[in-house]
C-alpha atoms as a PDB file:
ATOM      1  CA  MET A   1      22.522 -33.059  60.857  1.00  0.00           C
ATOM      2  CA  GLN A   2      25.927 -33.007  59.019  1.00  0.00           C
ATOM      3  CA  VAL A   3      26.867 -29.847  56.959  1.00  0.00           C
ATOM      4  CA  THR A   4      29.898 -30.359  54.726  1.00  0.00           C
ATOM      5  CA  LEU A   5      31.725 -27.945  52.240  1.00  0.00           C
ATOM      6  CA  ASN A   6      32.160 -29.572  48.942  1.00  0.00           C
ATOM      7  CA  SER A   7      33.861 -28.380  45.800  1.00  0.00           C
ATOM      8  CA  SER A   8      32.470 -30.949  43.342  1.00  0.00           C
ATOM      9  CA  GLN A   9      28.965 -31.219  43.943  1.00  0.00           C
ATOM     10  CA  THR A  10      26.721 -31.230  40.617  1.00  0.00           C
ATOM     11  CA  GLY A  11      23.061 -30.984  40.243  1.00  0.00           C
ATOM     12  CA  ASN A  12      19.951 -28.898  38.310  1.00  0.00           C
ATOM     13  CA  SER A  13      19.679 -25.565  38.778  1.00  0.00           C
ATOM     14  CA  TYR A  14      16.455 -23.969  39.764  1.00  0.00           C
ATOM     15  CA  ILE A  15      15.098 -20.465  41.178  1.00  0.00           C
ATOM     16  CA  VAL A  16      12.718 -20.369  43.892  1.00  0.00           C
ATOM     17  CA  ASN A  17      11.258 -16.488  44.868  1.00  0.00           C
ATOM     18  CA  SER A  18      10.633 -15.923  48.369  1.00  0.00           C
ATOM     19  CA  THR A  19      10.114 -12.715  50.159  1.00  0.00           C
ATOM     20  CA  ASP A  20      12.554 -13.224  53.040  1.00  0.00           C
ATOM     21  CA  ASN A  21      15.971 -12.917  51.264  1.00  0.00           C
ATOM     22  CA  LYS A  22      14.828  -8.777  50.516  1.00  0.00           C
ATOM     23  CA  ASN A  23      17.802  -7.066  50.138  1.00  0.00           C
ATOM     24  CA  VAL A  24      20.698  -9.398  50.427  1.00  0.00           C
ATOM     25  CA  ALA A  25      23.070  -7.385  48.270  1.00  0.00           C
ATOM     26  CA  GLY A  26      23.162  -4.642  51.115  1.00  0.00           C
ATOM     27  CA  GLU A  27      23.826  -7.119  53.762  1.00  0.00           C
ATOM     28  CA  LEU A  28      26.742  -8.601  51.821  1.00  0.00           C
ATOM     29  CA  GLU A  29      29.149  -5.623  50.690  1.00  0.00           C
ATOM     30  CA  GLY A  30      31.953  -6.101  52.500  1.00  0.00           C
ATOM     31  CA  LYS A  31      30.538  -7.973  55.539  1.00  0.00           C
ATOM     32  CA  TYR A  32      32.566 -11.379  55.180  1.00  0.00           C
ATOM     33  CA  SER A  33      36.358 -11.650  54.595  1.00  0.00           C
ATOM     34  CA  SER A  34      35.943 -15.188  54.558  1.00  0.00           C
ATOM     35  CA  VAL A  35      33.681 -18.259  53.702  1.00  0.00           C
ATOM     36  CA  SER A  36      33.492 -19.968  57.105  1.00  0.00           C
ATOM     37  CA  GLU A  37      32.238 -16.382  58.426  1.00  0.00           C
ATOM     38  CA  TYR A  38      29.351 -16.470  55.609  1.00  0.00           C
ATOM     39  CA  TYR A  39      28.655 -19.815  56.114  1.00  0.00           C
ATOM     40  CA  ALA A  40      28.270 -19.325  59.627  1.00  0.00           C
ATOM     41  CA  TYR A  41      25.783 -16.392  59.100  1.00  0.00           C
ATOM     42  CA  LEU A  42      23.991 -18.892  56.444  1.00  0.00           C
ATOM     43  CA  GLU A  43      24.019 -21.544  59.024  1.00  0.00           C
ATOM     44  CA  ASP A  44      22.453 -19.238  62.091  1.00  0.00           C
ATOM     45  CA  LYS A  45      19.820 -17.791  59.110  1.00  0.00           C
ATOM     46  CA  TYR A  46      18.789 -21.003  57.504  1.00  0.00           C
ATOM     47  CA  SER A  47      17.428 -23.870  59.409  1.00  0.00           C
ATOM     48  CA  CYS A  48      18.078 -26.538  56.443  1.00  0.00           C
ATOM     49  CA  LEU A  49      21.822 -26.081  57.403  1.00  0.00           C
ATOM     50  CA  THR A  50      21.421 -27.369  60.992  1.00  0.00           C
ATOM     51  CA  ALA A  51      18.410 -29.769  60.466  1.00  0.00           C
ATOM     52  CA  SER A  52      18.676 -33.502  61.424  1.00  0.00           C
ATOM     53  CA  GLY A  53      16.337 -34.802  58.550  1.00  0.00           C
ATOM     54  CA  TYR A  54      18.882 -34.269  55.751  1.00  0.00           C
ATOM     55  CA  LYS A  55      22.271 -32.807  54.757  1.00  0.00           C
ATOM     56  CA  VAL A  56      23.037 -29.941  52.737  1.00  0.00           C
ATOM     57  CA  THR A  57      26.333 -29.726  51.082  1.00  0.00           C
ATOM     58  CA  ILE A  58      27.487 -26.089  49.834  1.00  0.00           C
ATOM     59  CA  SER A  59      31.111 -25.755  47.355  1.00  0.00           C
ATOM     60  CA  PRO A  60      33.177 -23.097  49.007  1.00  0.00           C
ATOM     61  CA  ALA A  61      33.936 -21.696  45.677  1.00  0.00           C
ATOM     62  CA  TYR A  62      30.463 -20.780  45.032  1.00  0.00           C
ATOM     63  CA  LEU A  63      30.160 -19.214  48.913  1.00  0.00           C
ATOM     64  CA  GLU A  64      33.688 -17.250  47.468  1.00  0.00           C
ATOM     65  CA  LYS A  65      31.785 -16.151  44.721  1.00  0.00           C
ATOM     66  CA  CYS A  66      28.338 -15.381  46.827  1.00  0.00           C
ATOM     67  CA  ILE A  67      30.962 -13.210  48.907  1.00  0.00           C
ATOM     68  CA  LYS A  68      31.810 -11.008  46.262  1.00  0.00           C
ATOM     69  CA  ASP A  69      28.408 -11.390  44.224  1.00  0.00           C
ATOM     70  CA  PRO A  70      25.135 -10.301  45.690  1.00  0.00           C
ATOM     71  CA  LYS A  71      23.114 -11.523  42.894  1.00  0.00           C
ATOM     72  CA  CYS A  72      24.955 -15.066  43.717  1.00  0.00           C
ATOM     73  CA  ALA A  73      24.472 -14.922  47.062  1.00  0.00           C
ATOM     74  CA  GLU A  74      20.359 -13.958  46.701  1.00  0.00           C
ATOM     75  CA  LEU A  75      19.726 -16.983  44.816  1.00  0.00           C
ATOM     76  CA  LEU A  76      22.043 -19.035  47.018  1.00  0.00           C
ATOM     77  CA  GLU A  77      19.561 -17.805  50.296  1.00  0.00           C
ATOM     78  CA  LYS A  78      16.133 -18.243  48.354  1.00  0.00           C
ATOM     79  CA  ASN A  79      17.290 -21.584  47.724  1.00  0.00           C
ATOM     80  CA  LEU A  80      18.384 -22.270  51.271  1.00  0.00           C
ATOM     81  CA  ALA A  81      15.080 -20.774  52.306  1.00  0.00           C
ATOM     82  CA  HIS A  82      13.696 -23.112  49.541  1.00  0.00           C
ATOM     83  CA  LEU A  83      15.140 -26.297  51.025  1.00  0.00           C
ATOM     84  CA  PRO A  84      13.203 -27.230  54.049  1.00  0.00           C
ATOM     85  CA  VAL A  85       9.556 -27.070  51.635  1.00  0.00           C
ATOM     86  CA  SER A  86      11.280 -29.325  49.093  1.00  0.00           C
ATOM     87  CA  HIS A  87      12.339 -31.919  51.942  1.00  0.00           C
ATOM     88  CA  GLN A  88       8.647 -31.954  53.130  1.00  0.00           C
ATOM     89  CA  ASN A  89       7.396 -32.188  49.445  1.00  0.00           C
ATOM     90  CA  MET A  90       9.962 -35.005  48.507  1.00  0.00           C
ATOM     91  CA  THR A  91       9.143 -36.720  51.859  1.00  0.00           C
ATOM     92  CA  ALA A  92       4.977 -36.408  51.713  1.00  0.00           C
ATOM     93  CA  PHE A  93       5.528 -37.951  48.305  1.00  0.00           C
ATOM     94  CA  TRP A  94       7.535 -40.779  49.308  1.00  0.00           C
ATOM     95  CA  ASP A  95       5.484 -41.181  52.533  1.00  0.00           C
ATOM     96  CA  ALA A  96       2.012 -41.668  50.088  1.00  0.00           C
ATOM     97  CA  LYS A  97       3.760 -43.881  48.472  1.00  0.00           C
ATOM     98  CA  GLY A  98       4.281 -46.412  51.607  1.00  0.00           C
ATOM     99  CA  ALA A  99       8.239 -45.582  51.567  1.00  0.00           C
ATOM    100  CA  GLU A 100      10.964 -43.126  53.203  1.00  0.00           C
ATOM    101  CA  VAL A 101      13.960 -41.505  51.930  1.00  0.00           C
ATOM    102  CA  VAL A 102      17.520 -42.654  53.162  1.00  0.00           C
ATOM    103  CA  ASN A 103      20.211 -40.462  53.275  1.00  0.00           C
ATOM    104  CA  GLU A 104      18.779 -37.049  51.887  1.00  0.00           C
ATOM    105  CA  GLN A 105      21.071 -34.999  50.625  1.00  0.00           C
ATOM    106  CA  TRP A 106      21.434 -31.461  48.809  1.00  0.00           C
ATOM    107  CA  ASN A 107      24.224 -30.149  47.025  1.00  0.00           C
ATOM    108  CA  PHE A 108      25.041 -26.993  45.465  1.00  0.00           C
ATOM    109  CA  ASP A 109      27.980 -26.868  43.451  1.00  0.00           C
ATOM    110  CA  GLU A 110      30.568 -24.107  42.301  1.00  0.00           C
ATOM    111  CA  ASN A 111      28.375 -22.576  40.073  1.00  0.00           C
ATOM    112  CA  GLY A 112      25.215 -22.539  42.836  1.00  0.00           C
ATOM    113  CA  ASN A 113      23.547 -25.588  40.333  1.00  0.00           C
ATOM    114  CA  CYS A 114      21.261 -27.444  43.554  1.00  0.00           C
ATOM    115  CA  GLY A 115      20.585 -30.852  43.496  1.00  0.00           C
ATOM    116  CA  SER A 116      19.956 -34.324  45.516  1.00  0.00           C
ATOM    117  CA  SER A 117      22.764 -36.496  46.127  1.00  0.00           C
ATOM    118  CA  SER A 118      22.990 -39.724  44.042  1.00  0.00           C
ATOM    119  CA  SER A 119      23.542 -41.592  47.446  1.00  0.00           C
ATOM    120  CA  MET A 120      20.018 -40.881  48.208  1.00  0.00           C
ATOM    121  CA  TYR A 121      17.730 -43.613  47.935  1.00  0.00           C
ATOM    122  CA  VAL A 122      14.044 -45.050  48.594  1.00  0.00           C
ATOM    123  CA  VAL A 123      12.945 -47.814  51.049  1.00  0.00           C
ATOM    124  CA  SER A 124       9.857 -49.540  51.859  1.00  0.00           C
ATOM    125  CA  LYS A 125       8.529 -47.933  55.197  1.00  0.00           C
ATOM    126  CA  GLY A 126       9.599 -50.011  58.081  1.00  0.00           C
ATOM    127  CA  SER A 127      12.224 -51.632  56.792  1.00  0.00           C
ATOM    128  CA  SER A 128      15.630 -51.327  57.276  1.00  0.00           C
ATOM    129  CA  SER A 129      18.279 -49.967  54.362  1.00  0.00           C
ATOM    130  CA  GLY A 130      18.966 -53.848  54.148  1.00  0.00           C
ATOM    131  CA  SER A 131      15.812 -55.023  52.959  1.00  0.00           C
ATOM    132  CA  GLY A 132      15.135 -51.922  50.640  1.00  0.00           C
ATOM    133  CA  PHE A 133      13.648 -51.957  47.287  1.00  0.00           C
ATOM    134  CA  GLN A 134      17.917 -51.614  45.784  1.00  0.00           C
ATOM    135  CA  ASN A 135      18.783 -54.919  47.607  1.00  0.00           C
ATOM    136  CA  LYS A 136      15.479 -56.813  46.784  1.00  0.00           C
ATOM    137  CA  MET A 137      16.300 -55.681  42.935  1.00  0.00           C
ATOM    138  CA  LEU A 138      19.844 -57.480  43.828  1.00  0.00           C
ATOM    139  CA  LYS A 139      18.129 -60.382  45.162  1.00  0.00           C
ATOM    140  CA  LYS A 140      16.175 -61.016  42.404  1.00  0.00           C
ATOM    141  CA  ARG A 141      18.874 -60.812  39.757  1.00  0.00           C
ATOM    142  CA  THR A 142      20.970 -63.068  42.303  1.00  0.00           C
ATOM    143  CA  GLU A 143      18.368 -65.215  41.688  1.00  0.00           C
ATOM    144  CA  ASN A 144      18.432 -65.583  38.208  1.00  0.00           C
ATOM    145  CA  LYS A 145      21.411 -66.161  38.027  1.00  0.00           C
ATOM    146  CA  THR A 146      21.163 -69.130  40.063  1.00  0.00           C
ATOM    147  CA  THR A 147      18.000 -69.976  37.638  1.00  0.00           C
ATOM    148  CA  ILE A 148      20.316 -69.576  34.695  1.00  0.00           C
ATOM    149  CA  GLN A 149      23.228 -71.852  36.324  1.00  0.00           C
ATOM    150  CA  GLU A 150      20.510 -74.315  37.323  1.00  0.00           C
ATOM    151  CA  GLN A 151      19.495 -74.174  33.489  1.00  0.00           C
ATOM    152  CA  TYR A 152      23.219 -74.687  32.253  1.00  0.00           C
ATOM    153  CA  GLU A 153      23.769 -77.418  34.229  1.00  0.00           C
ATOM    154  CA  LYS A 154      20.422 -79.011  33.417  1.00  0.00           C
ATOM    155  CA  ARG A 155      21.540 -78.581  29.526  1.00  0.00           C
ATOM    156  CA  LYS A 156      24.550 -80.188  30.173  1.00  0.00           C
ATOM    157  CA  GLN A 157      23.440 -83.212  31.501  1.00  0.00           C
ATOM    158  CA  ILE A 158      20.931 -83.790  28.632  1.00  0.00           C
ATOM    159  CA  SER A 159      23.913 -83.292  26.237  1.00  0.00           C
ATOM    160  CA  LEU A 160      25.685 -85.674  28.152  1.00  0.00           C
ATOM    161  CA  GLN A 161      22.821 -87.934  28.038  1.00  0.00           C
ATOM    162  CA  ILE A 162      22.367 -87.687  24.335  1.00  0.00           C
ATOM    163  CA  LYS A 163      25.996 -88.527  24.068  1.00  0.00           C
ATOM    164  CA  SER A 164      25.888 -91.482  26.283  1.00  0.00           C
ATOM    165  CA  GLN A 165      22.866 -92.604  24.195  1.00  0.00           C
ATOM    166  CA  GLY A 166      24.380 -92.080  20.944  1.00  0.00           C
END
């Protein structure tokens, strides 16, 4: 799994209660002097940051905010603790529908809002991304355009026949 730090992600915020995040405020006070150091701590503690099935992106501005504000850090850690469950629920939902998620990504913006990436999509199970739902819709639209073009050509021929008869 790739993990990136990005400063321009958006999403919807949600709060999750977890008993694993007791006294985060006490752990952070003066402990981390840089975003990289804090991120390394998070990577060691939360498996979702190194998971192979999906990608997690956290804004460096939000990590900086978490270093300074224990309440932000606590919220981030609660969300990170819940991400594997979110991944599992989403995967199970789409499995039940006979589909699978491609390019799953979770993003935390500079305010701590968490949401999925717009580049994440769903395809029918057993298909490659080239034969997924999006591509089927594109093909259908292309077929409709061909049909419209054919209709135009037919009308043009009829119009020419009417002119030649009259």
